[in-house]
């Protein structure tokens, strides 16, 4: 069995550790994070492994997962290389924005490097573990590293998809649009309902079918055909009136509304051409 050490055990690191261990892809060996208590908590969530205090305590492993923040990847990689020989091992990180080139210290130490980015929201780790089957993971890096990691992901029910390392930042921005900014737009919508006198719980309840139907239509019909509303109808009198009303209610929400008019208008033109 191949062994894996996990460095940085937040939501992503612990979820991957748990699904890798459950599938038998890797034996979780050592877990290193900011404190012994958080490392112990991560081990408890994963269900296996040993919490360690520092890089020097890590045993040699076949695979090293750097599940640290983007701004810590290079430093963690350097610390790992200084503490342990990684020659022949696979070293990978989970950043959606940075490529495997940021593991240069490991590559120079003759490790195989890669990145694996699960395209999921990790706000609820237990839910991600439960529904991990079918999860897409953007991967890039050394061919031999990807061969091993793709097999491990497949055994865990995930689906690896190759990405262009040079376009990694745009790739990650796509996920930000699809997840993070979607939350921001929905927050504006729910607060606007409340500004109209609708209680917050009722606002969430009444918005749910509208949101779920719209999202379902986007993935069933495509964005252009799924677009409806005043811009799709060419009713810019209503759009201007809404803009003024939203701006008066909440300046930031008004700026968000205005910023979305042009791209929505462009989308409407694409709909008209079909």
C-alpha atoms as a PDB file:
ATOM      1  CA  UNK A   1       0.000   0.000   0.000  1.00  0.00           C
ATOM      2  CA  UNK A   2       1.222   3.492  -0.845  1.00  0.00           C
ATOM      3  CA  UNK A   3       1.585   5.914   2.070  1.00  0.00           C
ATOM      4  CA  UNK A   4       0.538   9.559   2.107  1.00  0.00           C
ATOM      5  CA  UNK A   5       1.507  12.386   4.449  1.00  0.00           C
ATOM      6  CA  UNK A   6      -0.867  15.341   4.697  1.00  0.00           C
ATOM      7  CA  UNK A   7       0.530  18.796   5.349  1.00  0.00           C
ATOM      8  CA  UNK A   8      -2.177  21.327   6.103  1.00  0.00           C
ATOM      9  CA  UNK A   9      -5.348  19.686   7.312  1.00  0.00           C
ATOM     10  CA  UNK A  10      -8.187  22.076   6.690  1.00  0.00           C
ATOM     11  CA  UNK A  11     -11.404  21.013   4.998  1.00  0.00           C
ATOM     12  CA  UNK A  12      -9.809  20.000   1.687  1.00  0.00           C
ATOM     13  CA  UNK A  13      -6.909  18.080   3.206  1.00  0.00           C
ATOM     14  CA  UNK A  14      -9.053  16.158   5.659  1.00  0.00           C
ATOM     15  CA  UNK A  15     -11.708  15.310   3.081  1.00  0.00           C
ATOM     16  CA  UNK A  16      -9.124  13.980   0.621  1.00  0.00           C
ATOM     17  CA  UNK A  17      -7.374  12.080   3.401  1.00  0.00           C
ATOM     18  CA  UNK A  18     -10.635  10.441   4.416  1.00  0.00           C
ATOM     19  CA  UNK A  19     -11.760   9.468   0.910  1.00  0.00           C
ATOM     20  CA  UNK A  20      -8.284   8.217  -0.047  1.00  0.00           C
ATOM     21  CA  UNK A  21      -8.126   6.113   3.128  1.00  0.00           C
ATOM     22  CA  UNK A  22     -11.668   4.797   2.667  1.00  0.00           C
ATOM     23  CA  UNK A  23     -10.994   3.751  -0.924  1.00  0.00           C
ATOM     24  CA  UNK A  24      -7.731   2.039  -0.021  1.00  0.00           C
ATOM     25  CA  UNK A  25      -5.811   4.253  -2.439  1.00  0.00           C
ATOM     26  CA  UNK A  26      -3.347   5.386   0.220  1.00  0.00           C
ATOM     27  CA  UNK A  27      -2.546   4.660   3.831  1.00  0.00           C
ATOM     28  CA  UNK A  28      -2.668   7.966   5.686  1.00  0.00           C
ATOM     29  CA  UNK A  29       0.576   8.055   7.625  1.00  0.00           C
ATOM     30  CA  UNK A  30       1.364  11.453   9.188  1.00  0.00           C
ATOM     31  CA  UNK A  31      -0.698  14.636   9.458  1.00  0.00           C
ATOM     32  CA  UNK A  32       0.980  17.994  10.061  1.00  0.00           C
ATOM     33  CA  UNK A  33      -0.900  21.250  10.483  1.00  0.00           C
ATOM     34  CA  UNK A  34      -0.618  24.499  12.438  1.00  0.00           C
ATOM     35  CA  UNK A  35      -1.008  22.932  15.859  1.00  0.00           C
ATOM     36  CA  UNK A  36      -1.003  19.504  17.442  1.00  0.00           C
ATOM     37  CA  UNK A  37      -4.636  19.917  18.477  1.00  0.00           C
ATOM     38  CA  UNK A  38      -5.782  20.684  14.925  1.00  0.00           C
ATOM     39  CA  UNK A  39      -3.675  17.809  13.598  1.00  0.00           C
ATOM     40  CA  UNK A  40      -5.306  15.461  16.108  1.00  0.00           C
ATOM     41  CA  UNK A  41      -8.730  16.749  15.125  1.00  0.00           C
ATOM     42  CA  UNK A  42      -7.882  16.096  11.467  1.00  0.00           C
ATOM     43  CA  UNK A  43      -6.732  12.549  12.253  1.00  0.00           C
ATOM     44  CA  UNK A  44     -10.017  11.934  14.066  1.00  0.00           C
ATOM     45  CA  UNK A  45     -11.995  13.152  11.034  1.00  0.00           C
ATOM     46  CA  UNK A  46      -9.913  11.094   8.599  1.00  0.00           C
ATOM     47  CA  UNK A  47     -10.117   8.018  10.807  1.00  0.00           C
ATOM     48  CA  UNK A  48      -6.428   7.143  10.497  1.00  0.00           C
ATOM     49  CA  UNK A  49      -2.942   8.629  10.592  1.00  0.00           C
ATOM     50  CA  UNK A  50      -0.661  10.096  13.237  1.00  0.00           C
ATOM     51  CA  UNK A  51      -0.580  13.747  14.240  1.00  0.00           C
ATOM     52  CA  UNK A  52       2.918  15.248  14.225  1.00  0.00           C
ATOM     53  CA  UNK A  53       4.292  18.574  15.430  1.00  0.00           C
ATOM     54  CA  UNK A  54       6.854  19.576  12.799  1.00  0.00           C
ATOM     55  CA  UNK A  55       8.245  18.718   9.376  1.00  0.00           C
ATOM     56  CA  UNK A  56      11.164  16.829  10.906  1.00  0.00           C
ATOM     57  CA  UNK A  57       8.669  14.420  12.514  1.00  0.00           C
ATOM     58  CA  UNK A  58       7.254  13.354   9.145  1.00  0.00           C
ATOM     59  CA  UNK A  59       8.233   9.873   8.076  1.00  0.00           C
ATOM     60  CA  UNK A  60       9.173   9.240   4.458  1.00  0.00           C
ATOM     61  CA  UNK A  61       6.102   8.605   2.334  1.00  0.00           C
ATOM     62  CA  UNK A  62       5.221   7.732  -1.241  1.00  0.00           C
ATOM     63  CA  UNK A  63       2.947  10.753  -1.600  1.00  0.00           C
ATOM     64  CA  UNK A  64       2.848  14.181   0.053  1.00  0.00           C
ATOM     65  CA  UNK A  65      -0.290  16.322  -0.039  1.00  0.00           C
ATOM     66  CA  UNK A  66       0.222  20.043   0.588  1.00  0.00           C
ATOM     67  CA  UNK A  67      -3.262  21.234   1.500  1.00  0.00           C
ATOM     68  CA  UNK A  68      -2.095  24.611   2.792  1.00  0.00           C
ATOM     69  CA  UNK A  69      -3.195  28.083   1.716  1.00  0.00           C
ATOM     70  CA  UNK A  70      -1.958  29.340  -1.625  1.00  0.00           C
ATOM     71  CA  UNK A  71       0.428  31.796   0.017  1.00  0.00           C
ATOM     72  CA  UNK A  72       2.016  28.961   2.005  1.00  0.00           C
ATOM     73  CA  UNK A  73       2.547  26.386  -0.739  1.00  0.00           C
ATOM     74  CA  UNK A  74       6.075  27.339  -1.725  1.00  0.00           C
ATOM     75  CA  UNK A  75       7.215  27.757   1.892  1.00  0.00           C
ATOM     76  CA  UNK A  76       5.708  24.411   2.908  1.00  0.00           C
ATOM     77  CA  UNK A  77       7.275  22.702  -0.079  1.00  0.00           C
ATOM     78  CA  UNK A  78      10.678  24.156   0.792  1.00  0.00           C
ATOM     79  CA  UNK A  79      10.313  23.090   4.440  1.00  0.00           C
ATOM     80  CA  UNK A  80       9.382  19.576   3.357  1.00  0.00           C
ATOM     81  CA  UNK A  81      12.380  19.262   1.068  1.00  0.00           C
ATOM     82  CA  UNK A  82      14.689  20.516   3.814  1.00  0.00           C
ATOM     83  CA  UNK A  83      13.301  17.996   6.296  1.00  0.00           C
ATOM     84  CA  UNK A  84      12.909  14.866   4.164  1.00  0.00           C
ATOM     85  CA  UNK A  85      14.140  13.317   0.947  1.00  0.00           C
ATOM     86  CA  UNK A  86      11.316  13.388  -1.571  1.00  0.00           C
ATOM     87  CA  UNK A  87      13.234  11.882  -4.475  1.00  0.00           C
ATOM     88  CA  UNK A  88      10.874   9.608  -6.417  1.00  0.00           C
ATOM     89  CA  UNK A  89       7.864  10.593  -4.312  1.00  0.00           C
ATOM     90  CA  UNK A  90       4.773  12.431  -5.555  1.00  0.00           C
ATOM     91  CA  UNK A  91       4.249  15.898  -4.112  1.00  0.00           C
ATOM     92  CA  UNK A  92       1.000  17.675  -4.998  1.00  0.00           C
ATOM     93  CA  UNK A  93      -1.064  20.620  -3.853  1.00  0.00           C
ATOM     94  CA  UNK A  94      -4.784  21.416  -4.077  1.00  0.00           C
ATOM     95  CA  UNK A  95      -4.762  25.042  -5.172  1.00  0.00           C
ATOM     96  CA  UNK A  96      -7.212  25.994  -7.859  1.00  0.00           C
ATOM     97  CA  UNK A  97      -5.295  29.163  -8.721  1.00  0.00           C
ATOM     98  CA  UNK A  98      -1.656  28.008  -8.701  1.00  0.00           C
ATOM     99  CA  UNK A  99      -0.008  25.444 -10.953  1.00  0.00           C
ATOM    100  CA  UNK A 100       2.364  22.649  -9.971  1.00  0.00           C
ATOM    101  CA  UNK A 101       5.235  24.943 -11.011  1.00  0.00           C
ATOM    102  CA  UNK A 102       4.989  26.371  -7.498  1.00  0.00           C
ATOM    103  CA  UNK A 103       6.398  23.052  -6.242  1.00  0.00           C
ATOM    104  CA  UNK A 104       9.735  23.784  -7.866  1.00  0.00           C
ATOM    105  CA  UNK A 105      11.703  22.967  -4.710  1.00  0.00           C
ATOM    106  CA  UNK A 106      10.288  19.438  -4.740  1.00  0.00           C
ATOM    107  CA  UNK A 107      10.876  19.053  -8.474  1.00  0.00           C
ATOM    108  CA  UNK A 108      14.500  20.092  -8.019  1.00  0.00           C
ATOM    109  CA  UNK A 109      14.747  17.454  -5.298  1.00  0.00           C
ATOM    110  CA  UNK A 110      13.674  14.881  -7.932  1.00  0.00           C
ATOM    111  CA  UNK A 111      10.072  14.491  -6.804  1.00  0.00           C
ATOM    112  CA  UNK A 112       7.155  14.152  -9.209  1.00  0.00           C
ATOM    113  CA  UNK A 113       4.885  17.179  -8.825  1.00  0.00           C
ATOM    114  CA  UNK A 114       1.232  17.865  -9.638  1.00  0.00           C
ATOM    115  CA  UNK A 115      -1.852  19.758  -8.577  1.00  0.00           C
ATOM    116  CA  UNK A 116      -5.297  18.322  -7.870  1.00  0.00           C
ATOM    117  CA  UNK A 117      -8.187  20.750  -7.390  1.00  0.00           C
ATOM    118  CA  UNK A 118     -11.545  19.206  -6.384  1.00  0.00           C
ATOM    119  CA  UNK A 119     -14.275  21.356  -7.920  1.00  0.00           C
ATOM    120  CA  UNK A 120     -16.554  21.406  -4.902  1.00  0.00           C
ATOM    121  CA  UNK A 121     -17.615  23.736  -2.127  1.00  0.00           C
ATOM    122  CA  UNK A 122     -15.994  22.486   1.082  1.00  0.00           C
ATOM    123  CA  UNK A 123     -18.165  24.472   3.479  1.00  0.00           C
ATOM    124  CA  UNK A 124     -19.580  21.173   4.826  1.00  0.00           C
ATOM    125  CA  UNK A 125     -16.800  18.524   4.859  1.00  0.00           C
ATOM    126  CA  UNK A 126     -19.092  15.697   5.988  1.00  0.00           C
ATOM    127  CA  UNK A 127     -21.437  16.362   3.061  1.00  0.00           C
ATOM    128  CA  UNK A 128     -18.526  16.431   0.597  1.00  0.00           C
ATOM    129  CA  UNK A 129     -17.253  13.087   1.890  1.00  0.00           C
ATOM    130  CA  UNK A 130     -20.725  11.591   1.644  1.00  0.00           C
ATOM    131  CA  UNK A 131     -21.247  12.806  -1.927  1.00  0.00           C
ATOM    132  CA  UNK A 132     -17.652  12.687  -3.206  1.00  0.00           C
ATOM    133  CA  UNK A 133     -18.444  10.174  -5.947  1.00  0.00           C
ATOM    134  CA  UNK A 134     -18.644  11.995  -9.263  1.00  0.00           C
ATOM    135  CA  UNK A 135     -16.609  14.995  -8.083  1.00  0.00           C
ATOM    136  CA  UNK A 136     -14.577  16.552 -10.891  1.00  0.00           C
ATOM    137  CA  UNK A 137     -10.961  17.372 -10.065  1.00  0.00           C
ATOM    138  CA  UNK A 138      -8.838  19.633 -12.249  1.00  0.00           C
ATOM    139  CA  UNK A 139      -5.381  18.062 -12.548  1.00  0.00           C
ATOM    140  CA  UNK A 140      -2.064  19.003 -14.129  1.00  0.00           C
ATOM    141  CA  UNK A 141       1.577  18.160 -13.556  1.00  0.00           C
ATOM    142  CA  UNK A 142       4.105  15.408 -14.244  1.00  0.00           C
ATOM    143  CA  UNK A 143       2.664  12.527 -16.240  1.00  0.00           C
ATOM    144  CA  UNK A 144       3.743   9.815 -13.782  1.00  0.00           C
ATOM    145  CA  UNK A 145       2.379  11.772 -10.839  1.00  0.00           C
ATOM    146  CA  UNK A 146      -0.939  12.222 -12.621  1.00  0.00           C
ATOM    147  CA  UNK A 147      -1.103   8.533 -13.459  1.00  0.00           C
ATOM    148  CA  UNK A 148      -0.900   7.654  -9.774  1.00  0.00           C
ATOM    149  CA  UNK A 149      -3.204  10.432  -8.576  1.00  0.00           C
ATOM    150  CA  UNK A 150      -5.805   9.856 -11.290  1.00  0.00           C
ATOM    151  CA  UNK A 151      -6.014   6.203 -10.277  1.00  0.00           C
ATOM    152  CA  UNK A 152      -6.471   7.216  -6.634  1.00  0.00           C
ATOM    153  CA  UNK A 153      -9.179   9.724  -7.534  1.00  0.00           C
ATOM    154  CA  UNK A 154     -10.948   7.163  -9.688  1.00  0.00           C
ATOM    155  CA  UNK A 155     -10.906   4.632  -6.850  1.00  0.00           C
ATOM    156  CA  UNK A 156     -12.505   7.306  -4.663  1.00  0.00           C
ATOM    157  CA  UNK A 157     -15.253   7.897  -7.214  1.00  0.00           C
ATOM    158  CA  UNK A 158     -13.878  11.214  -8.468  1.00  0.00           C
ATOM    159  CA  UNK A 159     -13.349  12.212 -12.100  1.00  0.00           C
ATOM    160  CA  UNK A 160     -10.009  13.759 -13.073  1.00  0.00           C
ATOM    161  CA  UNK A 161     -10.044  16.321 -15.869  1.00  0.00           C
ATOM    162  CA  UNK A 162      -6.826  17.668 -17.341  1.00  0.00           C
ATOM    163  CA  UNK A 163      -6.364  21.434 -17.402  1.00  0.00           C
ATOM    164  CA  UNK A 164      -3.885  23.816 -19.003  1.00  0.00           C
ATOM    165  CA  UNK A 165      -1.428  24.839 -16.291  1.00  0.00           C
ATOM    166  CA  UNK A 166      -0.830  28.158 -18.059  1.00  0.00           C
ATOM    167  CA  UNK A 167      -4.536  29.010 -17.730  1.00  0.00           C
ATOM    168  CA  UNK A 168      -4.841  27.947 -14.094  1.00  0.00           C
ATOM    169  CA  UNK A 169      -5.868  31.381 -12.820  1.00  0.00           C
ATOM    170  CA  UNK A 170      -8.697  31.696 -15.352  1.00  0.00           C
ATOM    171  CA  UNK A 171      -9.743  28.118 -14.562  1.00  0.00           C
ATOM    172  CA  UNK A 172     -10.000  28.975 -10.874  1.00  0.00           C
ATOM    173  CA  UNK A 173     -11.880  32.183 -11.641  1.00  0.00           C
ATOM    174  CA  UNK A 174     -14.486  30.015 -13.366  1.00  0.00           C
ATOM    175  CA  UNK A 175     -15.120  28.252 -10.064  1.00  0.00           C
ATOM    176  CA  UNK A 176     -15.300  31.600  -8.267  1.00  0.00           C
ATOM    177  CA  UNK A 177     -17.998  32.742 -10.711  1.00  0.00           C
ATOM    178  CA  UNK A 178     -19.889  29.465 -10.370  1.00  0.00           C
ATOM    179  CA  UNK A 179     -19.760  29.334  -6.588  1.00  0.00           C
ATOM    180  CA  UNK A 180     -18.493  32.345  -4.636  1.00  0.00           C
ATOM    181  CA  UNK A 181     -19.993  35.124  -6.756  1.00  0.00           C
ATOM    182  CA  UNK A 182     -23.227  33.191  -7.077  1.00  0.00           C
ATOM    183  CA  UNK A 183     -23.510  33.385  -3.282  1.00  0.00           C
ATOM    184  CA  UNK A 184     -22.871  37.139  -3.421  1.00  0.00           C
ATOM    185  CA  UNK A 185     -25.612  37.672  -6.013  1.00  0.00           C
ATOM    186  CA  UNK A 186     -28.058  35.545  -4.041  1.00  0.00           C
ATOM    187  CA  UNK A 187     -27.242  37.491  -0.882  1.00  0.00           C
ATOM    188  CA  UNK A 188     -28.180  40.702  -2.708  1.00  0.00           C
ATOM    189  CA  UNK A 189     -31.417  39.104  -3.897  1.00  0.00           C
ATOM    190  CA  UNK A 190     -32.406  37.890  -0.428  1.00  0.00           C
ATOM    191  CA  UNK A 191     -31.619  41.245   1.168  1.00  0.00           C
ATOM    192  CA  UNK A 192     -33.670  43.024  -1.510  1.00  0.00           C
ATOM    193  CA  UNK A 193     -36.647  40.791  -0.728  1.00  0.00           C
ATOM    194  CA  UNK A 194     -36.229  41.707   2.937  1.00  0.00           C
ATOM    195  CA  UNK A 195     -36.075  45.409   2.017  1.00  0.00           C
ATOM    196  CA  UNK A 196     -39.509  44.883   0.468  1.00  0.00           C
ATOM    197  CA  UNK A 197     -40.820  43.709   3.826  1.00  0.00           C
ATOM    198  CA  UNK A 198     -40.450  39.938   3.413  1.00  0.00           C
ATOM    199  CA  UNK A 199     -38.978  38.160   6.476  1.00  0.00           C
ATOM    200  CA  UNK A 200     -35.615  36.460   5.886  1.00  0.00           C
ATOM    201  CA  UNK A 201     -36.893  32.856   6.289  1.00  0.00           C
ATOM    202  CA  UNK A 202     -39.747  33.519   3.860  1.00  0.00           C
ATOM    203  CA  UNK A 203     -37.374  35.231   1.416  1.00  0.00           C
ATOM    204  CA  UNK A 204     -35.180  32.116   1.293  1.00  0.00           C
ATOM    205  CA  UNK A 205     -38.220  29.900   0.859  1.00  0.00           C
ATOM    206  CA  UNK A 206     -39.753  31.892  -1.985  1.00  0.00           C
ATOM    207  CA  UNK A 207     -36.414  32.361  -3.797  1.00  0.00           C
ATOM    208  CA  UNK A 208     -35.530  28.660  -3.684  1.00  0.00           C
ATOM    209  CA  UNK A 209     -37.729  27.432  -6.583  1.00  0.00           C
ATOM    210  CA  UNK A 210     -36.745  30.415  -8.737  1.00  0.00           C
ATOM    211  CA  UNK A 211     -33.037  29.770  -8.152  1.00  0.00           C
ATOM    212  CA  UNK A 212     -33.185  25.994  -8.554  1.00  0.00           C
ATOM    213  CA  UNK A 213     -35.322  26.195 -11.708  1.00  0.00           C
ATOM    214  CA  UNK A 214     -32.983  28.785 -13.226  1.00  0.00           C
ATOM    215  CA  UNK A 215     -29.857  26.764 -12.451  1.00  0.00           C
ATOM    216  CA  UNK A 216     -31.493  23.611 -13.806  1.00  0.00           C
ATOM    217  CA  UNK A 217     -32.399  25.456 -17.016  1.00  0.00           C
ATOM    218  CA  UNK A 218     -28.832  26.733 -17.448  1.00  0.00           C
ATOM    219  CA  UNK A 219     -27.440  23.213 -17.408  1.00  0.00           C
ATOM    220  CA  UNK A 220     -30.295  21.736 -19.424  1.00  0.00           C
ATOM    221  CA  UNK A 221     -30.677  24.410 -22.106  1.00  0.00           C
ATOM    222  CA  UNK A 222     -27.524  26.529 -21.890  1.00  0.00           C
ATOM    223  CA  UNK A 223     -27.191  30.041 -20.421  1.00  0.00           C
ATOM    224  CA  UNK A 224     -28.588  31.966 -23.383  1.00  0.00           C
ATOM    225  CA  UNK A 225     -31.813  29.976 -23.625  1.00  0.00           C
ATOM    226  CA  UNK A 226     -32.220  29.969 -19.847  1.00  0.00           C
ATOM    227  CA  UNK A 227     -32.131  33.764 -19.637  1.00  0.00           C
ATOM    228  CA  UNK A 228     -35.450  35.459 -18.894  1.00  0.00           C
ATOM    229  CA  UNK A 229     -36.536  38.762 -17.350  1.00  0.00           C
ATOM    230  CA  UNK A 230     -36.552  42.417 -18.446  1.00  0.00           C
ATOM    231  CA  UNK A 231     -33.202  42.455 -20.278  1.00  0.00           C
ATOM    232  CA  UNK A 232     -34.104  39.311 -22.238  1.00  0.00           C
ATOM    233  CA  UNK A 233     -37.361  41.075 -23.231  1.00  0.00           C
ATOM    234  CA  UNK A 234     -35.574  44.301 -24.129  1.00  0.00           C
ATOM    235  CA  UNK A 235     -37.430  46.218 -21.399  1.00  0.00           C
ATOM    236  CA  UNK A 236     -34.702  48.680 -20.486  1.00  0.00           C
ATOM    237  CA  UNK A 237     -37.157  51.151 -19.003  1.00  0.00           C
ATOM    238  CA  UNK A 238     -37.768  48.638 -16.211  1.00  0.00           C
ATOM    239  CA  UNK A 239     -34.023  47.966 -15.934  1.00  0.00           C
ATOM    240  CA  UNK A 240     -33.286  51.676 -15.473  1.00  0.00           C
ATOM    241  CA  UNK A 241     -36.064  52.012 -12.901  1.00  0.00           C
ATOM    242  CA  UNK A 242     -34.749  49.016 -10.960  1.00  0.00           C
ATOM    243  CA  UNK A 243     -31.216  50.384 -11.122  1.00  0.00           C
ATOM    244  CA  UNK A 244     -32.304  53.658  -9.507  1.00  0.00           C
ATOM    245  CA  UNK A 245     -34.351  51.885  -6.851  1.00  0.00           C
ATOM    246  CA  UNK A 246     -31.596  49.452  -5.902  1.00  0.00           C
ATOM    247  CA  UNK A 247     -28.975  52.232  -5.872  1.00  0.00           C
ATOM    248  CA  UNK A 248     -31.172  54.234  -3.492  1.00  0.00           C
ATOM    249  CA  UNK A 249     -31.672  51.222  -1.235  1.00  0.00           C
ATOM    250  CA  UNK A 250     -28.078  49.928  -1.145  1.00  0.00           C
ATOM    251  CA  UNK A 251     -25.237  51.569  -3.034  1.00  0.00           C
ATOM    252  CA  UNK A 252     -23.097  48.420  -3.226  1.00  0.00           C
ATOM    253  CA  UNK A 253     -26.007  46.321  -4.470  1.00  0.00           C
ATOM    254  CA  UNK A 254     -26.754  49.070  -6.998  1.00  0.00           C
ATOM    255  CA  UNK A 255     -23.201  48.874  -8.332  1.00  0.00           C
ATOM    256  CA  UNK A 256     -23.518  45.086  -8.592  1.00  0.00           C
ATOM    257  CA  UNK A 257     -26.811  45.430 -10.479  1.00  0.00           C
ATOM    258  CA  UNK A 258     -25.290  47.931 -12.896  1.00  0.00           C
ATOM    259  CA  UNK A 259     -22.185  45.782 -13.464  1.00  0.00           C
ATOM    260  CA  UNK A 260     -24.378  42.852 -14.523  1.00  0.00           C
ATOM    261  CA  UNK A 261     -26.455  44.783 -17.070  1.00  0.00           C
ATOM    262  CA  UNK A 262     -23.959  44.739 -19.954  1.00  0.00           C
ATOM    263  CA  UNK A 263     -22.954  41.042 -19.724  1.00  0.00           C
ATOM    264  CA  UNK A 264     -26.644  40.133 -19.393  1.00  0.00           C
ATOM    265  CA  UNK A 265     -27.456  42.261 -22.433  1.00  0.00           C
ATOM    266  CA  UNK A 266     -24.709  40.477 -24.385  1.00  0.00           C
ATOM    267  CA  UNK A 267     -26.176  37.145 -23.292  1.00  0.00           C
ATOM    268  CA  UNK A 268     -29.619  38.288 -24.477  1.00  0.00           C
ATOM    269  CA  UNK A 269     -28.177  39.076 -27.919  1.00  0.00           C
ATOM    270  CA  UNK A 270     -26.784  35.543 -28.085  1.00  0.00           C
ATOM    271  CA  UNK A 271     -30.248  34.245 -27.270  1.00  0.00           C
ATOM    272  CA  UNK A 272     -31.794  36.289 -30.070  1.00  0.00           C
ATOM    273  CA  UNK A 273     -29.345  34.848 -32.594  1.00  0.00           C
ATOM    274  CA  UNK A 274     -30.373  31.271 -31.816  1.00  0.00           C
END
